[in-house]
All heavy atoms as atom14 arrays in JSON, in Angstrom:
{
  "sequence": "RVLLVRIRGMELSEAMMTIAIGMIIADTMLAIYGGIQNPWRRR",
  "atom14_mask": [
    [1, 1, 1, 1, 1, 1, 1, 1, 1, 1, 1, 0, 0, 0],
    [1, 1, 1, 1, 1, 1, 1, 0, 0, 0, 0, 0, 0, 0],
    [1, 1, 1, 1, 1, 1, 1, 1, 0, 0, 0, 0, 0, 0],
    [1, 1, 1, 1, 1, 1, 1, 1, 0, 0, 0, 0, 0, 0],
    [1, 1, 1, 1, 1, 1, 1, 0, 0, 0, 0, 0, 0, 0],
    [1, 1, 1, 1, 1, 1, 1, 1, 1, 1, 1, 0, 0, 0],
    [1, 1, 1, 1, 1, 1, 1, 1, 0, 0, 0, 0, 0, 0],
    [1, 1, 1, 1, 1, 1, 1, 1, 1, 1, 1, 0, 0, 0],
    [1, 1, 1, 1, 0, 0, 0, 0, 0, 0, 0, 0, 0, 0],
    [1, 1, 1, 1, 1, 1, 1, 1, 0, 0, 0, 0, 0, 0],
    [1, 1, 1, 1, 1, 1, 1, 1, 1, 0, 0, 0, 0, 0],
    [1, 1, 1, 1, 1, 1, 1, 1, 0, 0, 0, 0, 0, 0],
    [1, 1, 1, 1, 1, 1, 0, 0, 0, 0, 0, 0, 0, 0],
    [1, 1, 1, 1, 1, 1, 1, 1, 1, 0, 0, 0, 0, 0],
    [1, 1, 1, 1, 1, 0, 0, 0, 0, 0, 0, 0, 0, 0],
    [1, 1, 1, 1, 1, 1, 1, 1, 0, 0, 0, 0, 0, 0],
    [1, 1, 1, 1, 1, 1, 1, 1, 0, 0, 0, 0, 0, 0],
    [1, 1, 1, 1, 1, 1, 1, 0, 0, 0, 0, 0, 0, 0],
    [1, 1, 1, 1, 1, 1, 1, 1, 0, 0, 0, 0, 0, 0],
    [1, 1, 1, 1, 1, 0, 0, 0, 0, 0, 0, 0, 0, 0],
    [1, 1, 1, 1, 1, 1, 1, 1, 0, 0, 0, 0, 0, 0],
    [1, 1, 1, 1, 0, 0, 0, 0, 0, 0, 0, 0, 0, 0],
    [1, 1, 1, 1, 1, 1, 1, 1, 0, 0, 0, 0, 0, 0],
    [1, 1, 1, 1, 1, 1, 1, 1, 0, 0, 0, 0, 0, 0],
    [1, 1, 1, 1, 1, 1, 1, 1, 0, 0, 0, 0, 0, 0],
    [1, 1, 1, 1, 1, 0, 0, 0, 0, 0, 0, 0, 0, 0],
    [1, 1, 1, 1, 1, 1, 1, 1, 0, 0, 0, 0, 0, 0],
    [1, 1, 1, 1, 1, 1, 1, 0, 0, 0, 0, 0, 0, 0],
    [1, 1, 1, 1, 1, 1, 1, 1, 0, 0, 0, 0, 0, 0],
    [1, 1, 1, 1, 1, 1, 1, 1, 0, 0, 0, 0, 0, 0],
    [1, 1, 1, 1, 1, 0, 0, 0, 0, 0, 0, 0, 0, 0],
    [1, 1, 1, 1, 1, 1, 1, 1, 0, 0, 0, 0, 0, 0],
    [1, 1, 1, 1, 1, 1, 1, 1, 1, 1, 1, 1, 0, 0],
    [1, 1, 1, 1, 0, 0, 0, 0, 0, 0, 0, 0, 0, 0],
    [1, 1, 1, 1, 0, 0, 0, 0, 0, 0, 0, 0, 0, 0],
    [1, 1, 1, 1, 1, 1, 1, 1, 0, 0, 0, 0, 0, 0],
    [1, 1, 1, 1, 1, 1, 1, 1, 1, 0, 0, 0, 0, 0],
    [1, 1, 1, 1, 1, 1, 1, 1, 0, 0, 0, 0, 0, 0],
    [1, 1, 1, 1, 1, 1, 1, 0, 0, 0, 0, 0, 0, 0],
    [1, 1, 1, 1, 1, 1, 1, 1, 1, 1, 1, 1, 1, 1],
    [1, 1, 1, 1, 1, 1, 1, 1, 1, 1, 1, 0, 0, 0],
    [1, 1, 1, 1, 1, 1, 1, 1, 1, 1, 1, 0, 0, 0],
    [1, 1, 1, 1, 1, 1, 1, 1, 1, 1, 1, 0, 0, 0]
  ],
  "atom14_positions": [
    [[-39.44, -65.93, 64.19], [-39.15, -67.13, 64.97], [-38.63, -68.28, 64.15], [-37.87, -69.12, 64.76], [-40.46, -67.58, 65.73], [-40.99, -66.56, 66.65], [-40.14, -66.44, 67.9], [-40.7, -65.45, 68.77], [-40.1, -64.89, 69.82], [-38.83, -65.25, 70.06], [-40.72, -64.09, 70.54], [0.0, 0.0, 0.0], [0.0, 0.0, 0.0], [0.0, 0.0, 0.0]],
    [[-39.05, -68.44, 62.93], [-38.59, -69.65, 62.13], [-37.47, -69.25, 61.16], [-36.54, -69.98, 61.01], [-39.84, -70.18, 61.37], [-39.44, -71.29, 60.48], [-40.83, -70.62, 62.36], [0.0, 0.0, 0.0], [0.0, 0.0, 0.0], [0.0, 0.0, 0.0], [0.0, 0.0, 0.0], [0.0, 0.0, 0.0], [0.0, 0.0, 0.0], [0.0, 0.0, 0.0]],
    [[-37.61, -68.07, 60.44], [-36.62, -67.79, 59.41], [-35.47, -66.98, 59.88], [-34.31, -67.32, 59.61], [-37.33, -67.07, 58.3], [-38.49, -67.88, 57.58], [-39.21, -67.06, 56.54], [-37.96, -69.19, 57.0], [0.0, 0.0, 0.0], [0.0, 0.0, 0.0], [0.0, 0.0, 0.0], [0.0, 0.0, 0.0], [0.0, 0.0, 0.0], [0.0, 0.0, 0.0]],
    [[-35.67, -65.87, 60.53], [-34.64, -64.94, 60.92], [-33.76, -65.46, 62.08], [-32.63, -65.04, 62.22], [-35.23, -63.58, 61.26], [-35.72, -62.8, 60.08], [-36.31, -61.47, 60.5], [-34.62, -62.49, 59.04], [0.0, 0.0, 0.0], [0.0, 0.0, 0.0], [0.0, 0.0, 0.0], [0.0, 0.0, 0.0], [0.0, 0.0, 0.0], [0.0, 0.0, 0.0]],
    [[-34.3, -66.35, 62.87], [-33.58, -66.82, 64.05], [-32.28, -67.66, 63.56], [-31.32, -67.66, 64.24], [-34.43, -67.65, 64.99], [-34.76, -68.98, 64.38], [-33.76, -67.77, 66.35], [0.0, 0.0, 0.0], [0.0, 0.0, 0.0], [0.0, 0.0, 0.0], [0.0, 0.0, 0.0], [0.0, 0.0, 0.0], [0.0, 0.0, 0.0], [0.0, 0.0, 0.0]],
    [[-32.4, -68.19, 62.35], [-31.28, -68.99, 61.81], [-30.14, -68.18, 61.36], [-29.01, -68.73, 61.28], [-31.82, -69.91, 60.64], [-32.96, -70.83, 61.07], [-33.53, -71.5, 59.81], [-34.74, -72.18, 60.15], [-34.84, -73.45, 60.44], [-33.77, -74.15, 60.54], [-36.01, -74.0, 60.7], [0.0, 0.0, 0.0], [0.0, 0.0, 0.0], [0.0, 0.0, 0.0]],
    [[-30.36, -66.95, 60.99], [-29.33, -66.11, 60.44], [-29.06, -64.85, 61.36], [-28.62, -63.81, 60.89], [-29.55, -65.72, 59.03], [-30.92, -65.05, 58.9], [-29.46, -66.89, 58.12], [-31.23, -64.48, 57.53], [0.0, 0.0, 0.0], [0.0, 0.0, 0.0], [0.0, 0.0, 0.0], [0.0, 0.0, 0.0], [0.0, 0.0, 0.0], [0.0, 0.0, 0.0]],
    [[-29.41, -64.99, 62.6], [-29.26, -63.82, 63.53], [-27.81, -63.31, 63.51], [-26.89, -64.04, 63.63], [-29.68, -64.23, 64.91], [-29.57, -63.23, 66.03], [-30.73, -62.23, 66.05], [-31.97, -62.88, 66.14], [-33.07, -62.4, 65.65], [-33.1, -61.28, 64.96], [-34.2, -63.02, 65.74], [0.0, 0.0, 0.0], [0.0, 0.0, 0.0], [0.0, 0.0, 0.0]],
    [[-27.67, -62.0, 63.4], [-26.39, -61.36, 63.49], [-25.68, -61.21, 62.17], [-24.8, -60.33, 62.05], [0.0, 0.0, 0.0], [0.0, 0.0, 0.0], [0.0, 0.0, 0.0], [0.0, 0.0, 0.0], [0.0, 0.0, 0.0], [0.0, 0.0, 0.0], [0.0, 0.0, 0.0], [0.0, 0.0, 0.0], [0.0, 0.0, 0.0], [0.0, 0.0, 0.0]],
    [[-26.13, -61.79, 61.11], [-25.6, -61.58, 59.76], [-26.48, -60.62, 59.01], [-27.51, -60.99, 58.44], [-25.53, -62.91, 59.04], [-24.64, -63.93, 59.68], [-24.41, -65.45, 58.77], [-26.03, -66.18, 58.99], [0.0, 0.0, 0.0], [0.0, 0.0, 0.0], [0.0, 0.0, 0.0], [0.0, 0.0, 0.0], [0.0, 0.0, 0.0], [0.0, 0.0, 0.0]],
    [[-26.15, -59.32, 59.12], [-27.03, -58.24, 58.62], [-27.33, -58.41, 57.13], [-28.46, -58.19, 56.69], [-26.41, -56.88, 58.87], [-26.55, -56.45, 60.31], [-25.34, -56.97, 61.15], [-24.43, -57.47, 60.57], [-25.43, -56.79, 62.38], [0.0, 0.0, 0.0], [0.0, 0.0, 0.0], [0.0, 0.0, 0.0], [0.0, 0.0, 0.0], [0.0, 0.0, 0.0]],
    [[-26.32, -58.73, 56.35], [-26.58, -58.9, 54.87], [-27.56, -60.03, 54.58], [-28.49, -59.86, 53.75], [-25.25, -59.11, 54.18], [-25.39, -59.21, 52.61], [-25.99, -57.92, 52.06], [-24.01, -59.46, 52.0], [0.0, 0.0, 0.0], [0.0, 0.0, 0.0], [0.0, 0.0, 0.0], [0.0, 0.0, 0.0], [0.0, 0.0, 0.0], [0.0, 0.0, 0.0]],
    [[-27.37, -61.14, 55.26], [-28.3, -62.26, 55.05], [-29.73, -61.92, 55.54], [-30.68, -62.31, 54.88], [-27.8, -63.53, 55.77], [-26.55, -63.87, 55.27], [0.0, 0.0, 0.0], [0.0, 0.0, 0.0], [0.0, 0.0, 0.0], [0.0, 0.0, 0.0], [0.0, 0.0, 0.0], [0.0, 0.0, 0.0], [0.0, 0.0, 0.0], [0.0, 0.0, 0.0]],
    [[-29.86, -61.25, 56.63], [-31.14, -60.78, 57.11], [-31.8, -59.85, 56.13], [-33.0, -60.02, 55.84], [-31.04, -60.1, 58.46], [-30.64, -61.02, 59.61], [-30.42, -60.23, 60.9], [-30.27, -58.93, 60.84], [-30.29, -60.94, 61.9], [0.0, 0.0, 0.0], [0.0, 0.0, 0.0], [0.0, 0.0, 0.0], [0.0, 0.0, 0.0], [0.0, 0.0, 0.0]],
    [[-31.05, -58.92, 55.54], [-31.61, -57.97, 54.6], [-32.01, -58.7, 53.38], [-33.15, -58.48, 52.8], [-30.61, -56.91, 54.27], [0.0, 0.0, 0.0], [0.0, 0.0, 0.0], [0.0, 0.0, 0.0], [0.0, 0.0, 0.0], [0.0, 0.0, 0.0], [0.0, 0.0, 0.0], [0.0, 0.0, 0.0], [0.0, 0.0, 0.0], [0.0, 0.0, 0.0]],
    [[-31.18, -59.68, 52.83], [-31.57, -60.43, 51.63], [-32.8, -61.28, 51.9], [-33.74, -61.27, 51.01], [-30.42, -61.27, 51.23], [-29.17, -60.52, 50.89], [-29.4, -59.7, 49.26], [-29.23, -61.1, 48.18], [0.0, 0.0, 0.0], [0.0, 0.0, 0.0], [0.0, 0.0, 0.0], [0.0, 0.0, 0.0], [0.0, 0.0, 0.0], [0.0, 0.0, 0.0]],
    [[-32.91, -61.86, 53.03], [-34.09, -62.69, 53.38], [-35.35, -61.88, 53.43], [-36.42, -62.29, 52.91], [-33.93, -63.56, 54.63], [-35.11, -64.46, 54.88], [-34.88, -65.5, 56.26], [-33.8, -66.73, 55.58], [0.0, 0.0, 0.0], [0.0, 0.0, 0.0], [0.0, 0.0, 0.0], [0.0, 0.0, 0.0], [0.0, 0.0, 0.0], [0.0, 0.0, 0.0]],
    [[-35.29, -60.77, 54.09], [-36.48, -59.93, 54.3], [-36.93, -59.29, 52.97], [-38.09, -59.12, 52.71], [-36.31, -58.88, 55.41], [-35.2, -58.07, 55.09], [-36.16, -59.57, 56.71], [0.0, 0.0, 0.0], [0.0, 0.0, 0.0], [0.0, 0.0, 0.0], [0.0, 0.0, 0.0], [0.0, 0.0, 0.0], [0.0, 0.0, 0.0], [0.0, 0.0, 0.0]],
    [[-35.93, -58.96, 52.07], [-36.28, -58.46, 50.78], [-36.97, -59.56, 49.99], [-37.97, -59.28, 49.35], [-35.0, -57.95, 50.06], [-34.48, -56.62, 50.63], [-35.28, -57.82, 48.51], [-33.15, -56.2, 50.11], [0.0, 0.0, 0.0], [0.0, 0.0, 0.0], [0.0, 0.0, 0.0], [0.0, 0.0, 0.0], [0.0, 0.0, 0.0], [0.0, 0.0, 0.0]],
    [[-36.48, -60.8, 50.06], [-37.1, -61.87, 49.38], [-38.54, -62.17, 49.87], [-39.47, -62.38, 49.13], [-36.29, -63.15, 49.53], [0.0, 0.0, 0.0], [0.0, 0.0, 0.0], [0.0, 0.0, 0.0], [0.0, 0.0, 0.0], [0.0, 0.0, 0.0], [0.0, 0.0, 0.0], [0.0, 0.0, 0.0], [0.0, 0.0, 0.0], [0.0, 0.0, 0.0]],
    [[-38.73, -62.07, 51.17], [-40.07, -62.22, 51.78], [-40.98, -61.15, 51.27], [-42.11, -61.46, 50.9], [-39.96, -62.3, 53.34], [-39.24, -63.57, 53.76], [-41.37, -62.18, 53.9], [-38.89, -63.5, 55.22], [0.0, 0.0, 0.0], [0.0, 0.0, 0.0], [0.0, 0.0, 0.0], [0.0, 0.0, 0.0], [0.0, 0.0, 0.0], [0.0, 0.0, 0.0]],
    [[-40.48, -59.93, 51.25], [-41.33, -58.84, 50.73], [-41.71, -58.95, 49.29], [-42.84, -58.74, 48.94], [0.0, 0.0, 0.0], [0.0, 0.0, 0.0], [0.0, 0.0, 0.0], [0.0, 0.0, 0.0], [0.0, 0.0, 0.0], [0.0, 0.0, 0.0], [0.0, 0.0, 0.0], [0.0, 0.0, 0.0], [0.0, 0.0, 0.0], [0.0, 0.0, 0.0]],
    [[-40.77, -59.46, 48.46], [-41.05, -59.75, 47.07], [-42.09, -60.85, 46.9], [-42.96, -60.77, 46.02], [-39.8, -60.03, 46.29], [-38.89, -58.85, 46.19], [-37.31, -59.2, 45.48], [-37.78, -59.49, 43.78], [0.0, 0.0, 0.0], [0.0, 0.0, 0.0], [0.0, 0.0, 0.0], [0.0, 0.0, 0.0], [0.0, 0.0, 0.0], [0.0, 0.0, 0.0]],
    [[-41.9, -61.87, 47.68], [-42.87, -63.01, 47.59], [-44.27, -62.59, 47.99], [-45.26, -62.88, 47.32], [-42.4, -64.2, 48.5], [-41.13, -64.81, 47.95], [-43.48, -65.19, 48.7], [-40.46, -65.8, 48.88], [0.0, 0.0, 0.0], [0.0, 0.0, 0.0], [0.0, 0.0, 0.0], [0.0, 0.0, 0.0], [0.0, 0.0, 0.0], [0.0, 0.0, 0.0]],
    [[-44.42, -61.8, 49.02], [-45.72, -61.31, 49.43], [-46.31, -60.38, 48.45], [-47.49, -60.5, 48.06], [-45.61, -60.58, 50.83], [-45.28, -61.58, 51.94], [-46.91, -59.84, 51.15], [-44.95, -60.93, 53.25], [0.0, 0.0, 0.0], [0.0, 0.0, 0.0], [0.0, 0.0, 0.0], [0.0, 0.0, 0.0], [0.0, 0.0, 0.0], [0.0, 0.0, 0.0]],
    [[-45.49, -59.49, 47.88], [-46.0, -58.52, 46.9], [-46.43, -59.23, 45.59], [-47.48, -58.94, 45.06], [-44.89, -57.45, 46.55], [0.0, 0.0, 0.0], [0.0, 0.0, 0.0], [0.0, 0.0, 0.0], [0.0, 0.0, 0.0], [0.0, 0.0, 0.0], [0.0, 0.0, 0.0], [0.0, 0.0, 0.0], [0.0, 0.0, 0.0], [0.0, 0.0, 0.0]],
    [[-45.67, -60.15, 45.13], [-46.07, -60.89, 43.97], [-47.25, -61.81, 44.19], [-48.11, -62.0, 43.28], [-44.83, -61.73, 43.43], [-43.78, -60.92, 42.75], [-44.04, -59.73, 42.5], [-42.66, -61.4, 42.61], [0.0, 0.0, 0.0], [0.0, 0.0, 0.0], [0.0, 0.0, 0.0], [0.0, 0.0, 0.0], [0.0, 0.0, 0.0], [0.0, 0.0, 0.0]],
    [[-47.36, -62.38, 45.37], [-48.56, -63.16, 45.69], [-49.83, -62.27, 45.66], [-50.85, -62.62, 45.14], [-48.43, -63.85, 47.04], [-47.19, -64.71, 46.98], [-49.66, -64.69, 47.38], [0.0, 0.0, 0.0], [0.0, 0.0, 0.0], [0.0, 0.0, 0.0], [0.0, 0.0, 0.0], [0.0, 0.0, 0.0], [0.0, 0.0, 0.0], [0.0, 0.0, 0.0]],
    [[-49.77, -61.1, 46.31], [-50.92, -60.15, 46.26], [-51.19, -59.77, 44.86], [-52.36, -59.61, 44.51], [-50.59, -58.97, 47.17], [-50.5, -59.26, 48.64], [-52.01, -59.85, 49.33], [-51.67, -61.6, 49.48], [0.0, 0.0, 0.0], [0.0, 0.0, 0.0], [0.0, 0.0, 0.0], [0.0, 0.0, 0.0], [0.0, 0.0, 0.0], [0.0, 0.0, 0.0]],
    [[-50.15, -59.5, 43.99], [-50.39, -59.16, 42.62], [-51.12, -60.24, 41.86], [-52.0, -60.05, 41.06], [-49.08, -58.75, 41.97], [-49.18, -58.31, 40.5], [-49.99, -56.99, 40.42], [-47.76, -58.09, 39.95], [0.0, 0.0, 0.0], [0.0, 0.0, 0.0], [0.0, 0.0, 0.0], [0.0, 0.0, 0.0], [0.0, 0.0, 0.0], [0.0, 0.0, 0.0]],
    [[-50.7, -61.53, 42.15], [-51.33, -62.69, 41.5], [-52.77, -62.88, 41.95], [-53.66, -63.19, 41.11], [-50.52, -63.92, 41.75], [0.0, 0.0, 0.0], [0.0, 0.0, 0.0], [0.0, 0.0, 0.0], [0.0, 0.0, 0.0], [0.0, 0.0, 0.0], [0.0, 0.0, 0.0], [0.0, 0.0, 0.0], [0.0, 0.0, 0.0], [0.0, 0.0, 0.0]],
    [[-53.06, -62.61, 43.17], [-54.43, -62.82, 43.7], [-55.33, -61.69, 43.31], [-56.46, -61.93, 42.82], [-54.38, -63.02, 45.23], [-53.67, -64.28, 45.67], [-55.79, -62.96, 45.79], [-53.43, -64.4, 47.1], [0.0, 0.0, 0.0], [0.0, 0.0, 0.0], [0.0, 0.0, 0.0], [0.0, 0.0, 0.0], [0.0, 0.0, 0.0], [0.0, 0.0, 0.0]],
    [[-54.94, -60.48, 43.49], [-55.8, -59.29, 43.35], [-55.64, -58.59, 42.02], [-56.45, -57.75, 41.69], [-55.65, -58.31, 44.47], [-56.07, -58.93, 45.84], [-55.15, -59.37, 46.71], [-57.42, -59.03, 46.1], [-55.59, -59.98, 47.94], [-57.84, -59.52, 47.31], [-56.93, -59.99, 48.23], [-57.37, -60.54, 49.36], [0.0, 0.0, 0.0], [0.0, 0.0, 0.0]],
    [[-54.58, -58.84, 41.3], [-54.37, -58.21, 39.98], [-53.63, -56.88, 40.18], [-53.44, -56.37, 41.32], [0.0, 0.0, 0.0], [0.0, 0.0, 0.0], [0.0, 0.0, 0.0], [0.0, 0.0, 0.0], [0.0, 0.0, 0.0], [0.0, 0.0, 0.0], [0.0, 0.0, 0.0], [0.0, 0.0, 0.0], [0.0, 0.0, 0.0], [0.0, 0.0, 0.0]],
    [[-53.42, -56.22, 39.05], [-52.69, -54.94, 39.1], [-53.53, -53.7, 38.95], [-52.99, -52.62, 38.62], [0.0, 0.0, 0.0], [0.0, 0.0, 0.0], [0.0, 0.0, 0.0], [0.0, 0.0, 0.0], [0.0, 0.0, 0.0], [0.0, 0.0, 0.0], [0.0, 0.0, 0.0], [0.0, 0.0, 0.0], [0.0, 0.0, 0.0], [0.0, 0.0, 0.0]],
    [[-54.82, -53.77, 39.11], [-55.66, -52.62, 38.95], [-55.56, -51.79, 40.25], [-55.69, -52.27, 41.33], [-57.14, -53.0, 38.72], [-57.26, -53.88, 37.49], [-58.05, -51.79, 38.59], [-58.63, -54.48, 37.27], [0.0, 0.0, 0.0], [0.0, 0.0, 0.0], [0.0, 0.0, 0.0], [0.0, 0.0, 0.0], [0.0, 0.0, 0.0], [0.0, 0.0, 0.0]],
    [[-55.23, -50.48, 40.03], [-55.02, -49.64, 41.2], [-56.27, -49.46, 42.03], [-56.27, -49.41, 43.24], [-54.5, -48.29, 40.84], [-53.06, -48.28, 40.29], [-53.02, -48.66, 38.86], [-53.99, -48.75, 38.16], [-51.78, -48.9, 38.38], [0.0, 0.0, 0.0], [0.0, 0.0, 0.0], [0.0, 0.0, 0.0], [0.0, 0.0, 0.0], [0.0, 0.0, 0.0]],
    [[-57.44, -49.32, 41.39], [-58.72, -49.16, 42.06], [-59.63, -50.3, 41.67], [-60.28, -50.18, 40.59], [-59.29, -47.78, 41.74], [-60.52, -47.49, 42.55], [-61.02, -48.36, 43.29], [-61.02, -46.25, 42.52], [0.0, 0.0, 0.0], [0.0, 0.0, 0.0], [0.0, 0.0, 0.0], [0.0, 0.0, 0.0], [0.0, 0.0, 0.0], [0.0, 0.0, 0.0]],
    [[-59.68, -51.35, 42.41], [-60.51, -52.51, 41.99], [-61.99, -52.31, 41.92], [-62.71, -53.05, 41.37], [-60.15, -53.63, 43.01], [-59.67, -52.84, 44.17], [-59.03, -51.61, 43.65], [0.0, 0.0, 0.0], [0.0, 0.0, 0.0], [0.0, 0.0, 0.0], [0.0, 0.0, 0.0], [0.0, 0.0, 0.0], [0.0, 0.0, 0.0], [0.0, 0.0, 0.0]],
    [[-62.5, -51.18, 42.56], [-63.88, -50.92, 42.57], [-64.33, -50.13, 41.31], [-65.52, -50.06, 41.06], [-64.28, -50.17, 43.83], [-64.08, -51.06, 44.98], [-64.9, -52.04, 45.47], [-62.96, -51.14, 45.88], [-64.37, -52.69, 46.6], [-63.2, -52.14, 46.85], [-61.79, -50.41, 45.92], [-62.25, -52.43, 47.8], [-60.88, -50.74, 46.9], [-61.13, -51.72, 47.84]],
    [[-63.37, -49.58, 40.63], [-63.69, -48.82, 39.42], [-63.74, -49.77, 38.27], [-62.86, -50.68, 38.09], [-62.63, -47.79, 39.14], [-63.06, -46.87, 37.97], [-61.98, -45.94, 37.58], [-61.39, -45.28, 38.73], [-60.31, -44.5, 38.68], [-59.66, -44.38, 37.53], [-59.82, -43.93, 39.79], [0.0, 0.0, 0.0], [0.0, 0.0, 0.0], [0.0, 0.0, 0.0]],
    [[-64.73, -49.67, 37.41], [-64.9, -50.58, 36.24], [-63.84, -50.13, 35.21], [-63.55, -48.95, 35.03], [-66.3, -50.44, 35.66], [-67.3, -51.03, 36.57], [-68.71, -50.94, 36.0], [-68.71, -50.99, 34.53], [-69.76, -50.66, 33.84], [-70.83, -50.25, 34.42], [-69.71, -50.69, 32.5], [0.0, 0.0, 0.0], [0.0, 0.0, 0.0], [0.0, 0.0, 0.0]],
    [[-63.38, -51.12, 34.51], [-62.41, -50.8, 33.45], [-63.2, -50.22, 32.26], [-64.27, -50.64, 31.89], [-61.74, -52.15, 32.94], [-60.75, -52.65, 33.92], [-60.01, -53.88, 33.3], [-59.12, -54.43, 34.24], [-58.36, -55.45, 33.97], [-58.43, -56.07, 32.83], [-57.55, -55.9, 34.89], [0.0, 0.0, 0.0], [0.0, 0.0, 0.0], [0.0, 0.0, 0.0]]
  ]
}
């Protein structure tokens, strides 16, 4: 409703924006939870 509505119909811009959103979410989760595959297992 807020981000994609501004670039509706421009497939390349939509793809670039959604890739960026995915990278932002993934990096935020990595920063919050760390990179341990199984957080319940002790190092």
